[in-house]
Amino acid sequence: MENKKPDWDKITEGKIRHGFAVAAFESRMKLTSDLADSINNWVKFVVSGELPKGVKSNQTTTKPVVNKLAKGHISGALNTIMPKSVVKQVNEEIEIEHIIKEKIKVLSKDKQESVLGSLKRGDITKDNLQGCLERINALSNDKK
């Protein structure tokens, strides 16, 4: 049996990639080739400290993006590397989450948990938000 030495560079890259992937997963980002490319570019940047070939310095934004960083769910690095479509989706999800959490404050704990479960599963979307808000209002009126 041959004793191979561990490739510590590959192990390090894997750990860094894992951190970015977990942050993206916890943020309910969909796995796409754009997301994978962005994560891999960041892995290369973290390891070398240099922009990977093909990545121009003007392709990232220096403006902080409203994202789950404020809630501790996403790595700070991700807010500058996501394609605009992903950032828009994340921002919409955060806005929906904020609106729902404000509206359910008047509900009983069990009803709040039910609504939050729907939110976590992704059942509440931009397209059905109005209907969900109407249902929350109806639930709050049932309480009275």
Protein backbone atom coordinates (compact mmCIF):
# COMPACT_ATOMS: atom_id res chain seq x y z
CA MET A 1 0.00 0.00 0.00
CA GLU A 2 1.35 3.39 -1.04
CA ASN A 3 1.49 6.20 1.53
CA LYS A 4 0.32 9.33 -0.26
CA LYS A 5 0.93 12.66 1.41
CA PRO A 6 -2.13 14.87 1.78
CA ASP A 7 -2.45 17.70 -0.72
CA TRP A 8 -2.82 20.49 1.82
CA ASP A 9 -3.50 23.10 -0.85
CA LYS A 10 -6.49 21.11 -2.14
CA ILE A 11 -7.69 20.48 1.42
CA THR A 12 -7.49 24.21 2.19
CA GLU A 13 -9.37 25.10 -0.99
CA GLY A 14 -12.04 22.54 -0.13
CA LYS A 15 -12.54 24.01 3.33
CA ILE A 16 -12.82 27.53 1.95
CA ARG A 17 -15.24 26.38 -0.77
CA HIS A 18 -17.29 24.57 1.87
CA GLY A 19 -17.67 27.80 3.87
CA PHE A 20 -18.94 29.72 0.88
CA ALA A 21 -21.25 26.85 -0.15
CA VAL A 22 -22.76 26.58 3.33
CA ALA A 23 -23.37 30.34 3.42
CA ALA A 24 -25.06 30.20 0.01
CA PHE A 25 -27.14 27.16 1.03
CA GLU A 26 -28.26 28.76 4.30
CA SER A 27 -29.31 31.78 2.29
CA ARG A 28 -31.49 29.54 0.11
CA MET A 29 -29.52 30.44 -3.01
CA LYS A 30 -30.04 28.13 -5.92
CA LEU A 31 -26.98 26.26 -7.12
CA THR A 32 -26.18 27.57 -10.57
CA SER A 33 -23.06 27.63 -12.70
CA ASP A 34 -22.79 31.39 -12.03
CA LEU A 35 -22.87 30.81 -8.28
CA ALA A 36 -20.31 27.99 -8.52
CA ASP A 37 -18.03 30.15 -10.69
CA SER A 38 -18.30 33.02 -8.21
CA ILE A 39 -17.49 30.78 -5.25
CA ASN A 40 -14.53 29.24 -7.09
CA ASN A 41 -13.22 32.70 -7.98
CA TRP A 42 -13.43 33.69 -4.33
CA VAL A 43 -11.64 30.50 -3.28
CA LYS A 44 -8.81 31.39 -5.67
CA PHE A 45 -8.75 34.95 -4.33
CA VAL A 46 -8.69 33.86 -0.69
CA VAL A 47 -5.85 31.39 -1.33
CA SER A 48 -3.68 33.67 -3.49
CA GLY A 49 -4.76 37.16 -2.48
CA GLU A 50 -4.99 38.05 -6.17
CA LEU A 51 -7.93 38.35 -8.54
CA PRO A 52 -8.26 35.20 -10.64
CA LYS A 53 -7.49 35.52 -14.36
CA GLY A 54 -10.52 36.74 -16.27
CA VAL A 55 -12.01 38.60 -13.30
CA LYS A 56 -11.82 42.34 -13.75
CA SER A 57 -11.76 44.60 -10.72
CA ASN A 58 -14.82 46.47 -12.02
CA GLN A 59 -16.94 43.28 -12.06
CA THR A 60 -17.56 43.43 -8.33
CA THR A 61 -19.51 46.02 -6.46
CA THR A 62 -18.13 47.95 -3.53
CA LYS A 63 -21.60 48.95 -2.39
CA PRO A 64 -22.83 46.78 0.44
CA VAL A 65 -25.84 44.82 -0.74
CA VAL A 66 -28.78 44.38 1.62
CA ASN A 67 -28.45 40.70 2.33
CA LYS A 68 -28.42 38.12 5.05
CA LEU A 69 -25.06 39.31 6.30
CA ALA A 70 -26.95 41.58 8.69
CA LYS A 71 -28.60 38.52 10.17
CA GLY A 72 -25.41 36.48 10.30
CA HIS A 73 -26.51 33.99 7.63
CA ILE A 74 -24.09 34.75 4.85
CA SER A 75 -20.38 35.29 4.59
CA GLY A 76 -19.41 38.92 4.14
CA ALA A 77 -17.55 38.03 0.98
CA LEU A 78 -20.66 36.77 -0.80
CA ASN A 79 -22.29 40.19 -0.91
CA THR A 80 -19.82 41.35 -3.56
CA ILE A 81 -19.54 38.26 -5.76
CA MET A 82 -23.08 37.22 -6.58
CA PRO A 83 -24.56 37.91 -9.99
CA LYS A 84 -27.14 40.69 -9.91
CA SER A 85 -29.98 38.21 -10.42
CA VAL A 86 -28.95 36.28 -7.30
CA VAL A 87 -28.54 39.47 -5.27
CA LYS A 88 -32.02 40.58 -6.41
CA GLN A 89 -33.51 37.22 -5.40
CA VAL A 90 -31.82 37.32 -1.99
CA ASN A 91 -32.94 40.91 -1.43
CA GLU A 92 -36.54 39.96 -2.31
CA GLU A 93 -36.41 37.05 0.12
CA ILE A 94 -35.09 39.29 2.88
CA GLU A 95 -37.78 41.89 2.22
CA ILE A 96 -40.50 39.22 2.29
CA GLU A 97 -39.07 37.77 5.50
CA HIS A 98 -39.03 41.22 7.12
CA ILE A 99 -42.62 41.98 6.09
CA ILE A 100 -43.90 38.60 7.29
CA LYS A 101 -42.07 38.78 10.62
CA GLU A 102 -43.55 42.22 11.29
CA LYS A 103 -47.09 41.17 10.36
CA ILE A 104 -47.15 37.96 12.45
CA LYS A 105 -46.28 39.70 15.71
CA VAL A 106 -50.00 39.94 16.50
CA LEU A 107 -50.54 36.17 16.07
CA SER A 108 -50.34 33.50 18.75
CA LYS A 109 -47.02 31.66 19.03
CA ASP A 110 -48.32 28.50 17.32
CA LYS A 111 -49.71 30.52 14.39
CA GLN A 112 -46.44 32.47 14.17
CA GLU A 113 -44.52 29.20 14.00
CA SER A 114 -46.82 27.91 11.29
CA VAL A 115 -46.30 31.01 9.14
CA LEU A 116 -42.53 30.96 9.77
CA GLY A 117 -42.48 27.30 8.71
CA SER A 118 -44.12 28.26 5.42
CA LEU A 119 -41.60 31.08 4.99
CA LYS A 120 -38.65 28.79 5.70
CA ARG A 121 -39.89 26.17 3.20
CA GLY A 122 -40.12 28.87 0.53
CA ASP A 123 -43.89 28.66 0.32
CA ILE A 124 -44.24 32.44 0.66
CA THR A 125 -42.99 34.22 -2.44
CA LYS A 126 -43.20 37.65 -4.03
CA ASP A 127 -46.00 36.32 -6.24
CA ASN A 128 -48.22 35.15 -3.37
CA LEU A 129 -47.18 37.64 -0.69
CA GLN A 130 -50.40 39.68 -0.85
CA GLY A 131 -52.54 36.58 -0.36
CA CYS A 132 -50.36 35.51 2.56
CA LEU A 133 -50.70 38.93 4.19
CA GLU A 134 -54.48 38.72 3.80
CA ARG A 135 -54.43 35.28 5.44
CA ILE A 136 -52.32 36.64 8.33
CA ASN A 137 -54.87 39.46 8.77
CA ALA A 138 -57.68 36.89 8.83
CA LEU A 139 -55.78 34.82 11.42
CA SER A 140 -55.30 37.91 13.58
CA ASN A 141 -59.02 38.70 13.34
CA ASP A 142 -59.84 35.13 14.45
CA LYS A 143 -57.95 35.89 17.64
CA LYS A 144 -60.21 38.82 18.51
